Amino acid sequence: MKFLYFTDTHIRANSPSKRKDNYVESLLEKFQEIKNIGSDNDVDFYVHGGDLLDRPDVPIQTIRRFVRVMQSFKRPIFFVPGNHDIYAYNVESLNRTALPLLDDFGLLSIMSDTSPVLFTIDDVSVALHSASYNGDLDTDIGREKYIVKEKLADFDILFAHGMLLTKPFKNISYTLIDDIKHTKADLTICGHYHTGFSIQKVDDKYFYNPGSVARVSATEIELKRKPKVSIITLEKNKDIAIEDFYLKSAKPGEEVLDREAILRDKEENQRLELQKYEIEKIDFDRIMDIRELLNKIDITESLNEEVRNKAIELVTEAQNEQID
């Protein structure tokens, strides 16, 4: 039994601000190549790991263009909803999008977090489990969704759309592989984190994120990263085999991502860090007059002089009204 896994395609009607090419046309080429890879390797089905769409209200005319390619896959496509596919981190809002319609027409099958998909091909049984995105997934109260508690087949596989990582990450909610290594799943494969991580084997179980098909942000990592998909082979009494296929249609990062935007972002981040440093030095306990505070903050040039003066003027007027 073989299936092709791909994730985070972020279908949208226009190009992200930091892309230099025609994003929609480039993504259509990737979908066509993914179909060809699947056909050439005679996969039995496909799994999309979430964020099929870049936002839940992508125009129908845009979705139709991708539907035409997906119809040529000629194999079932299972789908785990991601955060960009839904409104306000609420998977129940999926019904307000076009995706259930694609399910009704048999183009893809939206997986249920409570009802694994079970089937057998060539005497190999598989249970496909899912953990779709929600705001609690990578917290103490939601992390259990990553855990498969009972073996149901020769191979139990969990498809999740969450921030599963190999090591801690600053300023975000995440789940470490060590947090879920007691799962009964033979393979846990994730989307959401676009950079991805290499295949990890822990206690004879596999954990993997091949990274996103789409590149929507201009970062140093994205400039160097090559989008890929994976084919997973399942054979009875054998180890799971995972083979990566780098997309030839994905041009080098320098050709499609705006490097100048990276430099601008770096400069902006440095400016914000300087502002933060200067503001943290202010002794707020000793400042009683807000005009003095505004003048202090102005040291960092975080306030336009005209804006600062207008703020002082409004504060003065308000104080005078209180006195009157």
C-alpha atoms as a PDB file:
ATOM      1  CA  MET A   1       0.000   0.000   0.000  1.00  0.00           C
ATOM      2  CA  LYS A   2       1.309   3.442  -0.942  1.00  0.00           C
ATOM      3  CA  PHE A   3       0.037   6.948  -0.422  1.00  0.00           C
ATOM      4  CA  LEU A   4       1.303  10.432  -1.188  1.00  0.00           C
ATOM      5  CA  TYR A   5       1.317  13.069   1.541  1.00  0.00           C
ATOM      6  CA  PHE A   6       1.453  16.811   0.885  1.00  0.00           C
ATOM      7  CA  THR A   7       0.453  19.775   2.982  1.00  0.00           C
ATOM      8  CA  ASP A   8      -0.003  23.532   3.337  1.00  0.00           C
ATOM      9  CA  THR A   9      -0.718  24.487  -0.258  1.00  0.00           C
ATOM     10  CA  HIS A  10      -2.390  27.791   0.701  1.00  0.00           C
ATOM     11  CA  ILE A  11      -4.546  28.275  -2.381  1.00  0.00           C
ATOM     12  CA  ARG A  12      -5.348  31.965  -2.839  1.00  0.00           C
ATOM     13  CA  ALA A  13      -6.528  34.322  -5.563  1.00  0.00           C
ATOM     14  CA  ASN A  14      -3.459  36.548  -5.691  1.00  0.00           C
ATOM     15  CA  SER A  15       0.238  36.559  -4.943  1.00  0.00           C
ATOM     16  CA  PRO A  16       1.514  37.150  -1.399  1.00  0.00           C
ATOM     17  CA  SER A  17       3.220  40.516  -1.016  1.00  0.00           C
ATOM     18  CA  LYS A  18       6.645  38.913  -0.771  1.00  0.00           C
ATOM     19  CA  ARG A  19       6.388  36.743  -3.883  1.00  0.00           C
ATOM     20  CA  LYS A  20       7.901  38.014  -7.135  1.00  0.00           C
ATOM     21  CA  ASP A  21       6.224  35.509  -9.447  1.00  0.00           C
ATOM     22  CA  ASN A  22       2.623  34.647 -10.281  1.00  0.00           C
ATOM     23  CA  TYR A  23       1.845  32.600  -7.170  1.00  0.00           C
ATOM     24  CA  VAL A  24      -1.384  31.061  -8.470  1.00  0.00           C
ATOM     25  CA  GLU A  25       0.197  29.801 -11.698  1.00  0.00           C
ATOM     26  CA  SER A  26       3.213  28.448  -9.806  1.00  0.00           C
ATOM     27  CA  LEU A  27       0.950  26.600  -7.380  1.00  0.00           C
ATOM     28  CA  LEU A  28      -1.095  25.106 -10.205  1.00  0.00           C
ATOM     29  CA  GLU A  29       2.140  23.724 -11.683  1.00  0.00           C
ATOM     30  CA  LYS A  30       2.962  22.148  -8.316  1.00  0.00           C
ATOM     31  CA  PHE A  31      -0.457  20.501  -8.114  1.00  0.00           C
ATOM     32  CA  GLN A  32       0.050  19.065 -11.587  1.00  0.00           C
ATOM     33  CA  GLU A  33       3.488  17.741 -10.629  1.00  0.00           C
ATOM     34  CA  ILE A  34       2.094  16.212  -7.430  1.00  0.00           C
ATOM     35  CA  LYS A  35      -0.515  14.414  -9.522  1.00  0.00           C
ATOM     36  CA  ASN A  36       2.227  13.153 -11.859  1.00  0.00           C
ATOM     37  CA  ILE A  37       4.378  11.917  -8.965  1.00  0.00           C
ATOM     38  CA  GLY A  38       1.398  10.045  -7.551  1.00  0.00           C
ATOM     39  CA  SER A  39       0.502   8.517 -10.911  1.00  0.00           C
ATOM     40  CA  ASP A  40       4.084   7.539 -11.762  1.00  0.00           C
ATOM     41  CA  ASN A  41       4.412   5.756  -8.417  1.00  0.00           C
ATOM     42  CA  ASP A  42       0.946   4.191  -8.562  1.00  0.00           C
ATOM     43  CA  VAL A  43      -0.153   5.455  -5.155  1.00  0.00           C
ATOM     44  CA  ASP A  44      -3.438   4.173  -3.744  1.00  0.00           C
ATOM     45  CA  PHE A  45      -4.517   7.489  -2.257  1.00  0.00           C
ATOM     46  CA  TYR A  46      -3.390  10.996  -1.304  1.00  0.00           C
ATOM     47  CA  VAL A  47      -3.522  12.810   2.029  1.00  0.00           C
ATOM     48  CA  HIS A  48      -3.496  16.597   2.347  1.00  0.00           C
ATOM     49  CA  GLY A  49      -2.298  17.702   5.782  1.00  0.00           C
ATOM     50  CA  GLY A  50      -4.269  20.943   6.037  1.00  0.00           C
ATOM     51  CA  ASP A  51      -4.308  24.557   4.888  1.00  0.00           C
ATOM     52  CA  LEU A  52      -5.491  23.570   1.455  1.00  0.00           C
ATOM     53  CA  LEU A  53      -6.705  27.172   1.299  1.00  0.00           C
ATOM     54  CA  ASP A  54      -4.929  30.312   2.439  1.00  0.00           C
ATOM     55  CA  ARG A  55      -8.197  31.648   3.853  1.00  0.00           C
ATOM     56  CA  PRO A  56     -11.670  30.129   4.211  1.00  0.00           C
ATOM     57  CA  ASP A  57     -13.291  32.543   1.749  1.00  0.00           C
ATOM     58  CA  VAL A  58     -11.080  31.971  -1.292  1.00  0.00           C
ATOM     59  CA  PRO A  59     -13.139  32.926  -4.384  1.00  0.00           C
ATOM     60  CA  ILE A  60     -14.947  30.046  -6.080  1.00  0.00           C
ATOM     61  CA  GLN A  61     -13.390  30.892  -9.455  1.00  0.00           C
ATOM     62  CA  THR A  62      -9.937  30.330  -7.929  1.00  0.00           C
ATOM     63  CA  ILE A  63     -10.943  27.061  -6.274  1.00  0.00           C
ATOM     64  CA  ARG A  64     -12.375  25.822  -9.594  1.00  0.00           C
ATOM     65  CA  ARG A  65      -8.967  26.107 -11.267  1.00  0.00           C
ATOM     66  CA  PHE A  66      -7.427  23.806  -8.681  1.00  0.00           C
ATOM     67  CA  VAL A  67     -10.420  21.466  -8.663  1.00  0.00           C
ATOM     68  CA  ARG A  68      -9.802  20.755 -12.351  1.00  0.00           C
ATOM     69  CA  VAL A  69      -6.288  19.540 -11.532  1.00  0.00           C
ATOM     70  CA  MET A  70      -7.366  17.604  -8.449  1.00  0.00           C
ATOM     71  CA  GLN A  71      -9.974  15.761 -10.516  1.00  0.00           C
ATOM     72  CA  SER A  72      -7.096  14.294 -12.534  1.00  0.00           C
ATOM     73  CA  PHE A  73      -5.569  12.658  -9.430  1.00  0.00           C
ATOM     74  CA  LYS A  74      -7.954   9.712 -10.032  1.00  0.00           C
ATOM     75  CA  ARG A  75      -7.419   8.475  -6.478  1.00  0.00           C
ATOM     76  CA  PRO A  76      -9.071   9.334  -3.141  1.00  0.00           C
ATOM     77  CA  ILE A  77      -7.792  12.492  -1.439  1.00  0.00           C
ATOM     78  CA  PHE A  78      -8.141  12.549   2.351  1.00  0.00           C
ATOM     79  CA  PHE A  79      -7.989  15.954   4.004  1.00  0.00           C
ATOM     80  CA  VAL A  80      -7.298  17.267   7.522  1.00  0.00           C
ATOM     81  CA  PRO A  81      -8.605  20.842   8.074  1.00  0.00           C
ATOM     82  CA  GLY A  82      -5.951  23.405   8.992  1.00  0.00           C
ATOM     83  CA  ASN A  83      -6.197  26.811  10.639  1.00  0.00           C
ATOM     84  CA  HIS A  84      -6.349  28.676   7.304  1.00  0.00           C
ATOM     85  CA  ASP A  85      -9.246  26.508   6.115  1.00  0.00           C
ATOM     86  CA  ILE A  86     -11.559  27.624   8.920  1.00  0.00           C
ATOM     87  CA  TYR A  87     -12.812  30.758  10.625  1.00  0.00           C
ATOM     88  CA  ALA A  88     -11.521  31.809  14.064  1.00  0.00           C
ATOM     89  CA  TYR A  89      -9.781  28.490  14.805  1.00  0.00           C
ATOM     90  CA  ASN A  90     -13.201  26.813  14.910  1.00  0.00           C
ATOM     91  CA  VAL A  91     -13.380  23.610  12.880  1.00  0.00           C
ATOM     92  CA  GLU A  92     -17.183  23.775  13.066  1.00  0.00           C
ATOM     93  CA  SER A  93     -16.971  26.809  10.765  1.00  0.00           C
ATOM     94  CA  LEU A  94     -15.740  24.532   7.970  1.00  0.00           C
ATOM     95  CA  ASN A  95     -19.361  24.252   6.842  1.00  0.00           C
ATOM     96  CA  ARG A  96     -19.257  27.938   5.900  1.00  0.00           C
ATOM     97  CA  THR A  97     -16.531  27.260   3.325  1.00  0.00           C
ATOM     98  CA  ALA A  98     -16.515  25.567  -0.084  1.00  0.00           C
ATOM     99  CA  LEU A  99     -14.660  22.507   1.229  1.00  0.00           C
ATOM    100  CA  PRO A 100     -17.695  20.418   2.296  1.00  0.00           C
ATOM    101  CA  LEU A 101     -19.019  20.894  -1.243  1.00  0.00           C
ATOM    102  CA  LEU A 102     -15.833  19.306  -2.602  1.00  0.00           C
ATOM    103  CA  ASP A 103     -16.447  16.455  -0.167  1.00  0.00           C
ATOM    104  CA  ASP A 104     -20.047  16.071  -1.377  1.00  0.00           C
ATOM    105  CA  PHE A 105     -18.848  15.843  -4.980  1.00  0.00           C
ATOM    106  CA  GLY A 106     -16.297  13.176  -4.060  1.00  0.00           C
ATOM    107  CA  LEU A 107     -13.231  15.279  -4.839  1.00  0.00           C
ATOM    108  CA  LEU A 108     -11.825  14.931  -1.333  1.00  0.00           C
ATOM    109  CA  SER A 109     -12.804  13.293   1.955  1.00  0.00           C
ATOM    110  CA  ILE A 110     -12.716  15.514   5.035  1.00  0.00           C
ATOM    111  CA  MET A 111     -11.426  13.368   7.883  1.00  0.00           C
ATOM    112  CA  SER A 112     -13.153  13.248  11.264  1.00  0.00           C
ATOM    113  CA  ASP A 113     -11.142  13.533  14.471  1.00  0.00           C
ATOM    114  CA  THR A 114     -13.508  11.095  16.171  1.00  0.00           C
ATOM    115  CA  SER A 115     -13.955   8.451  13.455  1.00  0.00           C
ATOM    116  CA  PRO A 116     -10.779   6.954  11.950  1.00  0.00           C
ATOM    117  CA  VAL A 117     -10.879   5.796   8.330  1.00  0.00           C
ATOM    118  CA  LEU A 118     -10.336   2.024   8.133  1.00  0.00           C
ATOM    119  CA  PHE A 119      -9.635  -0.028   5.024  1.00  0.00           C
ATOM    120  CA  THR A 120      -7.477  -2.830   3.636  1.00  0.00           C
ATOM    121  CA  ILE A 121      -5.421  -2.915   0.419  1.00  0.00           C
ATOM    122  CA  ASP A 122      -3.317  -5.893  -0.683  1.00  0.00           C
ATOM    123  CA  ASP A 123      -3.870  -7.620   2.672  1.00  0.00           C
ATOM    124  CA  VAL A 124      -2.533  -4.589   4.567  1.00  0.00           C
ATOM    125  CA  SER A 125      -4.960  -2.854   6.926  1.00  0.00           C
ATOM    126  CA  VAL A 126      -4.614   0.806   7.826  1.00  0.00           C
ATOM    127  CA  ALA A 127      -6.373   3.188  10.211  1.00  0.00           C
ATOM    128  CA  LEU A 128      -6.154   6.865   9.288  1.00  0.00           C
ATOM    129  CA  HIS A 129      -6.616   9.097  12.344  1.00  0.00           C
ATOM    130  CA  SER A 130      -6.776  12.893  12.252  1.00  0.00           C
ATOM    131  CA  ALA A 131      -6.174  15.854  14.545  1.00  0.00           C
ATOM    132  CA  SER A 132      -7.498  18.922  12.772  1.00  0.00           C
ATOM    133  CA  TYR A 133      -6.447  22.366  13.889  1.00  0.00           C
ATOM    134  CA  ASN A 134      -8.041  24.210  16.772  1.00  0.00           C
ATOM    135  CA  GLY A 135      -6.777  26.885  19.126  1.00  0.00           C
ATOM    136  CA  ASP A 136      -6.220  24.399  21.967  1.00  0.00           C
ATOM    137  CA  LEU A 137      -4.372  21.689  20.047  1.00  0.00           C
ATOM    138  CA  ASP A 138      -0.894  22.666  21.253  1.00  0.00           C
ATOM    139  CA  THR A 139      -1.875  23.289  24.872  1.00  0.00           C
ATOM    140  CA  ASP A 140      -2.124  21.064  27.911  1.00  0.00           C
ATOM    141  CA  ILE A 141      -5.871  20.668  27.448  1.00  0.00           C
ATOM    142  CA  GLY A 142      -5.742  19.895  23.717  1.00  0.00           C
ATOM    143  CA  ARG A 143      -2.542  17.943  23.249  1.00  0.00           C
ATOM    144  CA  GLU A 144      -4.320  14.621  23.784  1.00  0.00           C
ATOM    145  CA  LYS A 145      -5.666  14.906  20.235  1.00  0.00           C
ATOM    146  CA  TYR A 146      -2.191  13.894  19.047  1.00  0.00           C
ATOM    147  CA  ILE A 147      -2.462  10.601  20.914  1.00  0.00           C
ATOM    148  CA  VAL A 148      -3.797   7.440  19.283  1.00  0.00           C
ATOM    149  CA  LYS A 149      -4.891   5.384  22.276  1.00  0.00           C
ATOM    150  CA  GLU A 150      -5.732   2.081  20.621  1.00  0.00           C
ATOM    151  CA  LYS A 151      -4.328   0.120  17.694  1.00  0.00           C
ATOM    152  CA  LEU A 152      -6.991  -0.596  15.088  1.00  0.00           C
ATOM    153  CA  ALA A 153      -4.999  -1.965  12.133  1.00  0.00           C
ATOM    154  CA  ASP A 154      -1.646  -3.196  10.884  1.00  0.00           C
ATOM    155  CA  PHE A 155      -0.685   0.454  10.563  1.00  0.00           C
ATOM    156  CA  ASP A 156      -2.243   3.303  12.539  1.00  0.00           C
ATOM    157  CA  ILE A 157      -1.328   6.724  11.175  1.00  0.00           C
ATOM    158  CA  LEU A 158      -2.203  10.097  12.678  1.00  0.00           C
ATOM    159  CA  PHE A 159      -2.417  13.121  10.384  1.00  0.00           C
ATOM    160  CA  ALA A 160      -2.292  16.332  12.416  1.00  0.00           C
ATOM    161  CA  HIS A 161      -2.286  20.029  11.644  1.00  0.00           C
ATOM    162  CA  GLY A 162      -0.431  21.441  14.611  1.00  0.00           C
ATOM    163  CA  MET A 163       2.858  22.814  15.868  1.00  0.00           C
ATOM    164  CA  LEU A 164       4.581  19.496  16.497  1.00  0.00           C
ATOM    165  CA  LEU A 165       8.310  20.133  16.926  1.00  0.00           C
ATOM    166  CA  THR A 166      11.549  18.383  17.778  1.00  0.00           C
ATOM    167  CA  LYS A 167      12.697  21.129  20.179  1.00  0.00           C
ATOM    168  CA  PRO A 168      11.165  24.141  21.988  1.00  0.00           C
ATOM    169  CA  PHE A 169      10.269  27.314  20.087  1.00  0.00           C
ATOM    170  CA  LYS A 170       9.981  30.794  21.580  1.00  0.00           C
ATOM    171  CA  ASN A 171       6.750  32.777  21.924  1.00  0.00           C
ATOM    172  CA  ILE A 172       4.353  30.195  20.467  1.00  0.00           C
ATOM    173  CA  SER A 173       2.328  27.235  21.661  1.00  0.00           C
ATOM    174  CA  TYR A 174       3.860  23.963  20.532  1.00  0.00           C
ATOM    175  CA  THR A 175       3.972  20.242  21.191  1.00  0.00           C
ATOM    176  CA  LEU A 176       7.198  18.282  21.406  1.00  0.00           C
ATOM    177  CA  ILE A 177       7.550  14.763  20.075  1.00  0.00           C
ATOM    178  CA  ASP A 178       8.568  13.744  23.599  1.00  0.00           C
ATOM    179  CA  ASP A 179       5.145  14.917  24.808  1.00  0.00           C
ATOM    180  CA  ILE A 180       3.324  12.407  22.604  1.00  0.00           C
ATOM    181  CA  LYS A 181       5.808   9.569  22.169  1.00  0.00           C
ATOM    182  CA  HIS A 182       3.478   7.230  24.098  1.00  0.00           C
ATOM    183  CA  THR A 183       0.996   7.328  21.190  1.00  0.00           C
ATOM    184  CA  LYS A 184      -0.019   4.015  19.641  1.00  0.00           C
ATOM    185  CA  ALA A 185       0.289   5.491  16.133  1.00  0.00           C
ATOM    186  CA  ASP A 186       2.980   3.894  14.001  1.00  0.00           C
ATOM    187  CA  LEU A 187       3.427   7.186  12.147  1.00  0.00           C
ATOM    188  CA  THR A 188       2.472  10.713  13.167  1.00  0.00           C
ATOM    189  CA  ILE A 189       2.774  13.093  10.247  1.00  0.00           C
ATOM    190  CA  CYS A 190       2.141  16.809  10.536  1.00  0.00           C
ATOM    191  CA  GLY A 191       1.487  19.988   8.638  1.00  0.00           C
ATOM    192  CA  HIS A 192       1.224  23.595   9.894  1.00  0.00           C
ATOM    193  CA  TYR A 193       4.926  24.245  10.618  1.00  0.00           C
ATOM    194  CA  HIS A 194       6.106  25.207   7.134  1.00  0.00           C
ATOM    195  CA  THR A 195       9.802  24.504   7.689  1.00  0.00           C
ATOM    196  CA  GLY A 196       9.091  20.917   8.660  1.00  0.00           C
ATOM    197  CA  PHE A 197      11.525  18.522  10.314  1.00  0.00           C
ATOM    198  CA  SER A 198      13.372  15.358   9.354  1.00  0.00           C
ATOM    199  CA  ILE A 199      12.045  11.859  10.041  1.00  0.00           C
ATOM    200  CA  GLN A 200      12.290  11.046  13.741  1.00  0.00           C
ATOM    201  CA  LYS A 201      12.121   7.511  15.106  1.00  0.00           C
ATOM    202  CA  VAL A 202      11.230   7.205  18.787  1.00  0.00           C
ATOM    203  CA  ASP A 203      10.387   3.887  20.449  1.00  0.00           C
ATOM    204  CA  ASP A 204       9.854   2.249  17.032  1.00  0.00           C
ATOM    205  CA  LYS A 205       7.370   4.974  16.021  1.00  0.00           C
ATOM    206  CA  TYR A 206       7.878   7.580  13.320  1.00  0.00           C
ATOM    207  CA  PHE A 207       7.220  11.326  13.452  1.00  0.00           C
ATOM    208  CA  TYR A 208       7.582  13.553  10.404  1.00  0.00           C
ATOM    209  CA  ASN A 209       6.751  16.881   8.794  1.00  0.00           C
ATOM    210  CA  PRO A 210       8.009  17.261   5.193  1.00  0.00           C
ATOM    211  CA  GLY A 211       7.230  20.991   5.183  1.00  0.00           C
ATOM    212  CA  SER A 212       4.800  23.067   3.184  1.00  0.00           C
ATOM    213  CA  VAL A 213       4.292  22.899  -0.561  1.00  0.00           C
ATOM    214  CA  ALA A 214       3.710  26.661  -0.646  1.00  0.00           C
ATOM    215  CA  ARG A 215       6.180  29.378   0.277  1.00  0.00           C
ATOM    216  CA  VAL A 216       4.201  32.436   1.334  1.00  0.00           C
ATOM    217  CA  SER A 217       6.714  34.296   3.491  1.00  0.00           C
ATOM    218  CA  ALA A 218      10.144  35.682   2.672  1.00  0.00           C
ATOM    219  CA  THR A 219      12.590  34.407   5.276  1.00  0.00           C
ATOM    220  CA  GLU A 220      16.145  33.139   5.062  1.00  0.00           C
ATOM    221  CA  ILE A 221      14.886  29.605   5.689  1.00  0.00           C
ATOM    222  CA  GLU A 222      12.246  29.822   2.962  1.00  0.00           C
ATOM    223  CA  LEU A 223      14.833  31.171   0.510  1.00  0.00           C
ATOM    224  CA  LYS A 224      16.832  27.963   0.927  1.00  0.00           C
ATOM    225  CA  ARG A 225      14.046  25.433   1.500  1.00  0.00           C
ATOM    226  CA  LYS A 226      12.943  23.195  -1.367  1.00  0.00           C
ATOM    227  CA  PRO A 227       9.252  22.177  -1.252  1.00  0.00           C
ATOM    228  CA  LYS A 228       8.639  18.438  -1.349  1.00  0.00           C
ATOM    229  CA  VAL A 229       6.008  15.744  -0.975  1.00  0.00           C
ATOM    230  CA  SER A 230       6.377  12.268   0.492  1.00  0.00           C
ATOM    231  CA  ILE A 231       5.310   8.796  -0.547  1.00  0.00           C
ATOM    232  CA  ILE A 232       4.771   6.389   2.335  1.00  0.00           C
ATOM    233  CA  THR A 233       4.862   2.651   1.648  1.00  0.00           C
ATOM    234  CA  LEU A 234       3.181   0.199   4.021  1.00  0.00           C
ATOM    235  CA  GLU A 235       3.970  -3.509   3.788  1.00  0.00           C
ATOM    236  CA  LYS A 236       2.930  -6.156   6.257  1.00  0.00           C
ATOM    237  CA  ASN A 237       5.664  -7.171   8.733  1.00  0.00           C
ATOM    238  CA  LYS A 238       7.984  -4.478   7.364  1.00  0.00           C
ATOM    239  CA  ASP A 239       9.102  -1.059   8.536  1.00  0.00           C
ATOM    240  CA  ILE A 240       7.320   2.002   7.211  1.00  0.00           C
ATOM    241  CA  ALA A 241       9.198   3.411   4.208  1.00  0.00           C
ATOM    242  CA  ILE A 242       9.135   7.169   3.553  1.00  0.00           C
ATOM    243  CA  GLU A 243      10.509   8.614   0.321  1.00  0.00           C
ATOM    244  CA  ASP A 244      10.690  12.341  -0.376  1.00  0.00           C
ATOM    245  CA  PHE A 245      10.158  13.913  -3.794  1.00  0.00           C
ATOM    246  CA  TYR A 246      11.386  17.465  -4.244  1.00  0.00           C
ATOM    247  CA  LEU A 247       9.146  19.436  -6.579  1.00  0.00           C
ATOM    248  CA  LYS A 248      10.941  20.307  -9.799  1.00  0.00           C
ATOM    249  CA  SER A 249       8.309  22.930 -10.552  1.00  0.00           C
ATOM    250  CA  ALA A 250       9.297  24.829  -7.393  1.00  0.00           C
ATOM    251  CA  LYS A 251      11.795  27.457  -8.508  1.00  0.00           C
ATOM    252  CA  PRO A 252      14.753  28.486  -6.316  1.00  0.00           C
ATOM    253  CA  GLY A 253      13.758  30.790  -3.490  1.00  0.00           C
ATOM    254  CA  GLU A 254      15.791  33.682  -4.888  1.00  0.00           C
ATOM    255  CA  GLU A 255      13.664  33.634  -8.036  1.00  0.00           C
ATOM    256  CA  VAL A 256      10.256  33.743  -6.370  1.00  0.00           C
ATOM    257  CA  LEU A 257      10.784  35.412  -2.979  1.00  0.00           C
ATOM    258  CA  ASP A 258      11.585  39.087  -2.475  1.00  0.00           C
ATOM    259  CA  ARG A 259      14.977  39.174  -0.761  1.00  0.00           C
ATOM    260  CA  GLU A 260      14.677  42.922  -0.247  1.00  0.00           C
ATOM    261  CA  ALA A 261      11.619  42.238   1.893  1.00  0.00           C
ATOM    262  CA  ILE A 262      13.765  40.067   4.147  1.00  0.00           C
ATOM    263  CA  LEU A 263      16.237  42.906   4.629  1.00  0.00           C
ATOM    264  CA  ARG A 264      13.410  45.358   5.312  1.00  0.00           C
ATOM    265  CA  ASP A 265      11.926  42.991   7.873  1.00  0.00           C
ATOM    266  CA  LYS A 266      15.304  42.635   9.570  1.00  0.00           C
ATOM    267  CA  GLU A 267      15.709  46.404   9.776  1.00  0.00           C
ATOM    268  CA  GLU A 268      12.176  46.795  11.139  1.00  0.00           C
ATOM    269  CA  ASN A 269      12.769  44.102  13.757  1.00  0.00           C
ATOM    270  CA  GLN A 270      16.000  45.775  14.808  1.00  0.00           C
ATOM    271  CA  ARG A 271      14.201  49.119  15.084  1.00  0.00           C
ATOM    272  CA  LEU A 272      11.453  47.580  17.207  1.00  0.00           C
ATOM    273  CA  GLU A 273      14.001  45.897  19.462  1.00  0.00           C
ATOM    274  CA  LEU A 274      15.744  49.252  19.959  1.00  0.00           C
ATOM    275  CA  GLN A 275      12.432  50.913  20.775  1.00  0.00           C
ATOM    276  CA  LYS A 276      11.646  48.159  23.258  1.00  0.00           C
ATOM    277  CA  TYR A 277      15.061  48.578  24.880  1.00  0.00           C
ATOM    278  CA  GLU A 278      14.693  52.349  25.196  1.00  0.00           C
ATOM    279  CA  ILE A 279      11.142  52.124  26.567  1.00  0.00           C
ATOM    280  CA  GLU A 280      12.193  49.515  29.127  1.00  0.00           C
ATOM    281  CA  LYS A 281      14.798  51.977  30.423  1.00  0.00           C
ATOM    282  CA  ILE A 282      12.122  54.565  31.256  1.00  0.00           C
ATOM    283  CA  ASP A 283      11.320  54.791  34.963  1.00  0.00           C
ATOM    284  CA  PHE A 284       7.533  54.876  34.672  1.00  0.00           C
ATOM    285  CA  ASP A 285       7.099  55.069  38.451  1.00  0.00           C
ATOM    286  CA  ARG A 286       8.804  58.463  38.476  1.00  0.00           C
ATOM    287  CA  ILE A 287       6.917  59.909  35.509  1.00  0.00           C
ATOM    288  CA  MET A 288       3.707  61.582  36.593  1.00  0.00           C
ATOM    289  CA  ASP A 289       3.102  63.797  33.553  1.00  0.00           C
ATOM    290  CA  ILE A 290       2.052  61.992  30.364  1.00  0.00           C
ATOM    291  CA  ARG A 291       3.632  64.802  28.347  1.00  0.00           C
ATOM    292  CA  GLU A 292       6.958  63.898  29.895  1.00  0.00           C
ATOM    293  CA  LEU A 293       6.311  60.258  29.031  1.00  0.00           C
ATOM    294  CA  LEU A 294       5.601  61.118  25.397  1.00  0.00           C
ATOM    295  CA  ASN A 295       8.788  63.148  25.236  1.00  0.00           C
ATOM    296  CA  LYS A 296      10.734  60.249  26.721  1.00  0.00           C
ATOM    297  CA  ILE A 297       9.383  57.746  24.220  1.00  0.00           C
ATOM    298  CA  ASP A 298      10.203  60.177  21.435  1.00  0.00           C
ATOM    299  CA  ILE A 299      13.873  59.535  22.127  1.00  0.00           C
ATOM    300  CA  THR A 300      13.557  56.371  20.052  1.00  0.00           C
ATOM    301  CA  GLU A 301      11.823  58.115  17.148  1.00  0.00           C
ATOM    302  CA  SER A 302       8.927  55.705  17.586  1.00  0.00           C
ATOM    303  CA  LEU A 303       6.591  58.689  17.422  1.00  0.00           C
ATOM    304  CA  ASN A 304       6.397  61.066  14.510  1.00  0.00           C
ATOM    305  CA  GLU A 305       6.969  64.601  15.883  1.00  0.00           C
ATOM    306  CA  GLU A 306       3.622  65.816  14.541  1.00  0.00           C
ATOM    307  CA  VAL A 307       1.847  62.851  16.142  1.00  0.00           C
ATOM    308  CA  ARG A 308       3.664  63.410  19.448  1.00  0.00           C
ATOM    309  CA  ASN A 309       2.773  67.100  19.522  1.00  0.00           C
ATOM    310  CA  LYS A 310      -0.858  66.359  18.682  1.00  0.00           C
ATOM    311  CA  ALA A 311      -0.986  63.772  21.479  1.00  0.00           C
ATOM    312  CA  ILE A 312       0.419  66.278  23.960  1.00  0.00           C
ATOM    313  CA  GLU A 313      -2.104  68.874  22.770  1.00  0.00           C
ATOM    314  CA  LEU A 314      -5.036  66.485  23.265  1.00  0.00           C
ATOM    315  CA  VAL A 315      -3.788  65.402  26.693  1.00  0.00           C
ATOM    316  CA  THR A 316      -3.395  69.036  27.750  1.00  0.00           C
ATOM    317  CA  GLU A 317      -6.925  69.859  26.579  1.00  0.00           C
ATOM    318  CA  ALA A 318      -8.324  66.886  28.482  1.00  0.00           C
ATOM    319  CA  GLN A 319      -6.471  67.860  31.638  1.00  0.00           C
ATOM    320  CA  ASN A 320      -7.698  71.467  31.361  1.00  0.00           C
ATOM    321  CA  GLU A 321     -11.293  70.233  30.957  1.00  0.00           C
ATOM    322  CA  GLN A 322     -10.939  68.194  34.139  1.00  0.00           C
ATOM    323  CA  ILE A 323      -9.617  71.234  35.995  1.00  0.00           C
ATOM    324  CA  ASP A 324     -12.518  73.355  34.732  1.00  0.00           C
END
